Structures are given as C-alpha cells and as structure tokens.
C-alpha cells in the first residue's frame, strides 16, 4: 500500500526518512507532460537512472520542492518514499522519481 504526503499541506507533519548507512537506491527519473484532455501522459520522456548512496538519499529527502508529492510504502528497509512527483510551476509537466532500494555498495541488479 502506497500513501501520499503532500508538502503543500500546512497540517502535514513530515519527518525526514530514516535511512540506514547501508541503504542505497536506484533512482529512475523521467518527465511527463499534460495531454490535451488535461491528464498526465504515460509516456516517459528523458528517462534516466542513477544510484544514490545513503548521503545522497538523505539530501534528496531533506529537500522539499513546491507542489511535491511523495508516495510512501513499507519496504524491507522501513517506511520510505518509493515515488516523488514534482510539478512545474505552470503544471504543464512534472518530474517523476521512482526509488528502488537495495543494500549497498553492490551494484543494483534488476
């Protein structure tokens, strides 16, 4: 089950995710655009992937972007964000981040 935390809600108290020193993540990022009907496209534009070390994860989780939404789920590493969505100011496009956790420093295997 994935839950969402919206950083624009003043009543939402958000804690920094607890990341162990051995928790790494494969972060896949892509851009989605609005369709003429106003829905988000399912086409992944400019998809990239990189491995985040524990300190990179902490910095990423500490940053709060305007309009950001985070999807949390219970993983074998704890209750951590598994997706982050950040819309552009005019809401015509959004950046989507998907996080797949693993124990490092081994290289992520799909």
C-alpha atoms as a PDB file:
ATOM      1  CA  UNK A   1       0.000   0.000   0.000  1.00  0.00           C
ATOM      2  CA  UNK A   2       1.361   3.407  -1.006  1.00  0.00           C
ATOM      3  CA  UNK A   3       0.354   6.560   0.844  1.00  0.00           C
ATOM      4  CA  UNK A   4       0.995  10.119  -0.212  1.00  0.00           C
ATOM      5  CA  UNK A   5       2.374  13.072   1.722  1.00  0.00           C
ATOM      6  CA  UNK A   6       1.788  16.463   0.176  1.00  0.00           C
ATOM      7  CA  UNK A   7       4.346  19.085   1.190  1.00  0.00           C
ATOM      8  CA  UNK A   8       1.974  21.948   0.358  1.00  0.00           C
ATOM      9  CA  UNK A   9      -0.416  20.940   3.155  1.00  0.00           C
ATOM     10  CA  UNK A  10       0.469  23.037   6.212  1.00  0.00           C
ATOM     11  CA  UNK A  11      -1.110  20.477   8.544  1.00  0.00           C
ATOM     12  CA  UNK A  12       1.033  17.579   7.343  1.00  0.00           C
ATOM     13  CA  UNK A  13       3.968  16.980   9.670  1.00  0.00           C
ATOM     14  CA  UNK A  14       6.687  15.314   7.637  1.00  0.00           C
ATOM     15  CA  UNK A  15       9.619  13.576   9.223  1.00  0.00           C
ATOM     16  CA  UNK A  16      12.867  13.015   7.402  1.00  0.00           C
ATOM     17  CA  UNK A  17      13.022   9.431   6.203  1.00  0.00           C
ATOM     18  CA  UNK A  18      15.318   7.274   8.309  1.00  0.00           C
ATOM     19  CA  UNK A  19      17.961   5.872   6.002  1.00  0.00           C
ATOM     20  CA  UNK A  20      20.465   3.305   7.202  1.00  0.00           C
ATOM     21  CA  UNK A  21      24.117   3.683   6.234  1.00  0.00           C
ATOM     22  CA  UNK A  22      23.787   0.523   4.126  1.00  0.00           C
ATOM     23  CA  UNK A  23      20.634   1.592   2.245  1.00  0.00           C
ATOM     24  CA  UNK A  24      21.203   2.561  -1.365  1.00  0.00           C
ATOM     25  CA  UNK A  25      18.618   3.271  -4.041  1.00  0.00           C
ATOM     26  CA  UNK A  26      18.302   3.063  -7.783  1.00  0.00           C
ATOM     27  CA  UNK A  27      16.541   6.325  -8.676  1.00  0.00           C
ATOM     28  CA  UNK A  28      14.774   6.403 -12.023  1.00  0.00           C
ATOM     29  CA  UNK A  29      13.682   9.865 -13.179  1.00  0.00           C
ATOM     30  CA  UNK A  30      11.507  10.884 -16.105  1.00  0.00           C
ATOM     31  CA  UNK A  31       9.313  13.756 -17.288  1.00  0.00           C
ATOM     32  CA  UNK A  32       5.579  13.540 -18.037  1.00  0.00           C
ATOM     33  CA  UNK A  33       3.531  16.147 -19.917  1.00  0.00           C
ATOM     34  CA  UNK A  34      -0.145  17.098 -19.833  1.00  0.00           C
ATOM     35  CA  UNK A  35      -2.260  15.740 -22.669  1.00  0.00           C
ATOM     36  CA  UNK A  36      -4.818  17.967 -24.435  1.00  0.00           C
ATOM     37  CA  UNK A  37      -7.508  16.365 -22.228  1.00  0.00           C
ATOM     38  CA  UNK A  38      -5.661  17.604 -19.107  1.00  0.00           C
ATOM     39  CA  UNK A  39      -4.458  14.196 -17.918  1.00  0.00           C
ATOM     40  CA  UNK A  40      -0.842  13.203 -17.409  1.00  0.00           C
ATOM     41  CA  UNK A  41       0.806  11.380 -20.296  1.00  0.00           C
ATOM     42  CA  UNK A  42       2.060   7.876 -19.510  1.00  0.00           C
ATOM     43  CA  UNK A  43       4.985   8.310 -21.901  1.00  0.00           C
ATOM     44  CA  UNK A  44       8.308   8.605 -20.061  1.00  0.00           C
ATOM     45  CA  UNK A  45      10.376  11.379 -21.628  1.00  0.00           C
ATOM     46  CA  UNK A  46      14.114  11.773 -20.913  1.00  0.00           C
ATOM     47  CA  UNK A  47      14.245   8.725 -18.624  1.00  0.00           C
ATOM     48  CA  UNK A  48      17.478   8.365 -16.666  1.00  0.00           C
ATOM     49  CA  UNK A  49      18.594   6.168 -13.790  1.00  0.00           C
ATOM     50  CA  UNK A  50      21.343   6.520 -11.223  1.00  0.00           C
ATOM     51  CA  UNK A  51      22.383   5.001  -7.924  1.00  0.00           C
ATOM     52  CA  UNK A  52      22.054   7.099  -4.774  1.00  0.00           C
ATOM     53  CA  UNK A  53      24.296   6.467  -1.789  1.00  0.00           C
ATOM     54  CA  UNK A  54      22.890   6.927   1.742  1.00  0.00           C
ATOM     55  CA  UNK A  55      24.067  10.555   1.991  1.00  0.00           C
ATOM     56  CA  UNK A  56      22.510  11.326  -1.423  1.00  0.00           C
ATOM     57  CA  UNK A  57      19.221   9.834  -0.219  1.00  0.00           C
ATOM     58  CA  UNK A  58      19.234  11.910   2.961  1.00  0.00           C
ATOM     59  CA  UNK A  59      19.877  15.109   0.981  1.00  0.00           C
ATOM     60  CA  UNK A  60      17.137  14.196  -1.503  1.00  0.00           C
ATOM     61  CA  UNK A  61      14.622  13.510   1.291  1.00  0.00           C
ATOM     62  CA  UNK A  62      15.536  16.703   3.163  1.00  0.00           C
ATOM     63  CA  UNK A  63      14.816  18.850   0.084  1.00  0.00           C
ATOM     64  CA  UNK A  64      11.211  19.976  -0.305  1.00  0.00           C
ATOM     65  CA  UNK A  65      10.066  21.153  -3.706  1.00  0.00           C
ATOM     66  CA  UNK A  66       6.938  23.291  -4.297  1.00  0.00           C
ATOM     67  CA  UNK A  67       3.927  21.063  -5.023  1.00  0.00           C
ATOM     68  CA  UNK A  68       5.898  17.891  -4.323  1.00  0.00           C
ATOM     69  CA  UNK A  69       4.016  14.663  -3.612  1.00  0.00           C
ATOM     70  CA  UNK A  70       5.657  11.601  -2.108  1.00  0.00           C
ATOM     71  CA  UNK A  71       4.374   8.064  -2.222  1.00  0.00           C
ATOM     72  CA  UNK A  72       5.424   6.019   0.817  1.00  0.00           C
ATOM     73  CA  UNK A  73       5.411   2.256   1.244  1.00  0.00           C
ATOM     74  CA  UNK A  74       6.687  -0.322   3.684  1.00  0.00           C
ATOM     75  CA  UNK A  75       9.901  -1.768   2.266  1.00  0.00           C
ATOM     76  CA  UNK A  76      12.387  -4.193   3.742  1.00  0.00           C
ATOM     77  CA  UNK A  77      14.363  -1.044   4.678  1.00  0.00           C
ATOM     78  CA  UNK A  78      11.482   0.623   6.542  1.00  0.00           C
ATOM     79  CA  UNK A  79       8.658   3.014   5.678  1.00  0.00           C
ATOM     80  CA  UNK A  80      10.320   5.030   2.920  1.00  0.00           C
ATOM     81  CA  UNK A  81       9.339   7.092  -0.132  1.00  0.00           C
ATOM     82  CA  UNK A  82       9.050   4.950  -3.255  1.00  0.00           C
ATOM     83  CA  UNK A  83       7.967   7.755  -5.580  1.00  0.00           C
ATOM     84  CA  UNK A  84       8.290  11.529  -5.685  1.00  0.00           C
ATOM     85  CA  UNK A  85       6.394  13.751  -8.126  1.00  0.00           C
ATOM     86  CA  UNK A  86       7.294  17.415  -8.665  1.00  0.00           C
ATOM     87  CA  UNK A  87       5.110  19.537 -10.991  1.00  0.00           C
ATOM     88  CA  UNK A  88       6.393  22.536 -12.915  1.00  0.00           C
ATOM     89  CA  UNK A  89       5.071  25.952 -11.741  1.00  0.00           C
ATOM     90  CA  UNK A  90       2.578  26.123 -14.630  1.00  0.00           C
ATOM     91  CA  UNK A  91       1.680  22.415 -14.125  1.00  0.00           C
ATOM     92  CA  UNK A  92       2.205  21.578 -17.808  1.00  0.00           C
ATOM     93  CA  UNK A  93       4.828  18.963 -16.973  1.00  0.00           C
ATOM     94  CA  UNK A  94       6.117  17.059 -13.967  1.00  0.00           C
ATOM     95  CA  UNK A  95       9.235  15.196 -12.923  1.00  0.00           C
ATOM     96  CA  UNK A  96       8.671  11.707 -11.541  1.00  0.00           C
ATOM     97  CA  UNK A  97      11.211   9.857  -9.404  1.00  0.00           C
ATOM     98  CA  UNK A  98      10.892   6.145  -8.628  1.00  0.00           C
ATOM     99  CA  UNK A  99      13.126   4.681  -5.910  1.00  0.00           C
ATOM    100  CA  UNK A 100      14.117   1.008  -5.693  1.00  0.00           C
ATOM    101  CA  UNK A 101      16.082   0.289  -2.507  1.00  0.00           C
ATOM    102  CA  UNK A 102      18.902  -2.204  -2.064  1.00  0.00           C
ATOM    103  CA  UNK A 103      21.744  -2.939   0.333  1.00  0.00           C
ATOM    104  CA  UNK A 104      24.960  -1.405  -0.937  1.00  0.00           C
ATOM    105  CA  UNK A 105      27.524  -0.803  -2.017  1.00  0.00           C
ATOM    106  CA  UNK A 106      26.829  -3.601  -4.506  1.00  0.00           C
ATOM    107  CA  UNK A 107      25.556  -2.530  -7.901  1.00  0.00           C
ATOM    108  CA  UNK A 108      21.772  -2.621  -8.319  1.00  0.00           C
ATOM    109  CA  UNK A 109      20.533  -5.692 -10.209  1.00  0.00           C
ATOM    110  CA  UNK A 110      17.142  -5.669 -11.977  1.00  0.00           C
END
